[in-house]
């Protein structure tokens, strides 16, 4: 019997995947409040706010939620979207500069610790075992990523420091992904009974997840780094 993930429910099967939408009323209410904040002009960047809302719906409402109960690779995709796409969009839409910006190094380090913690087999399994644990996993991943991204994108931060923070994040996620890829045995017992329905062994699913974290996850950080470097060069260009 497949392990039951407390929030997203039983593992999705290929035959029922597109029927497995999450209609949790509390979640939908929270997303509606977020939409109201963006629509009412409370967001500093409305386009970023709407994009974040769409991606949160993909992560938490779409069948990806149920698929992530079945496959570790789907769960890693969920986490990548959350910390590498939703978080920077939220940092653009709701930077909250009045809160101030904490020192960059502790913020980057804390985010790395949280990412590694929730992808260790024991905490990962516990994080899916109950609804409170599930949301603790989601909020700490997203919250630490938001803090990191708002510091990286802060207008007062020097470009060099921001680029170093992005490189450090790419490095630690790449190392974590490599360790997952080259682990000699499957580690994530939550998904042992459900991968076969998707034509994967637990080890192949784990290796795919590691590759996604190693390769796919770096793309948003590289894109942000290129954008910051290009913006810095444009500012330095002398006026004609």
Foldseek 3Di string as FASTA:
>chain_A
DAFAQAQQGAADFPVCLQVRFDPPPVVVVVLVVLVVCLVVPVWPDSVLSVVLSVLVCVLHGHSLSNNVLAFVLSVLVSLLCQQLPNLLSCCRGCVPCVVPADDQVVLLVQLLVLVVQCPQQPLVQVLRNHPVSVVVNSCSNNVSSNSNNNNLPPPPDDLVVSLVSLVVNLVSQLVVLVCQLPPPDQRHRNNQVRCVSVVDHSSRSSNSSSCCSNPVSSVSSVVVSVVSVVVVVVVPDDDD
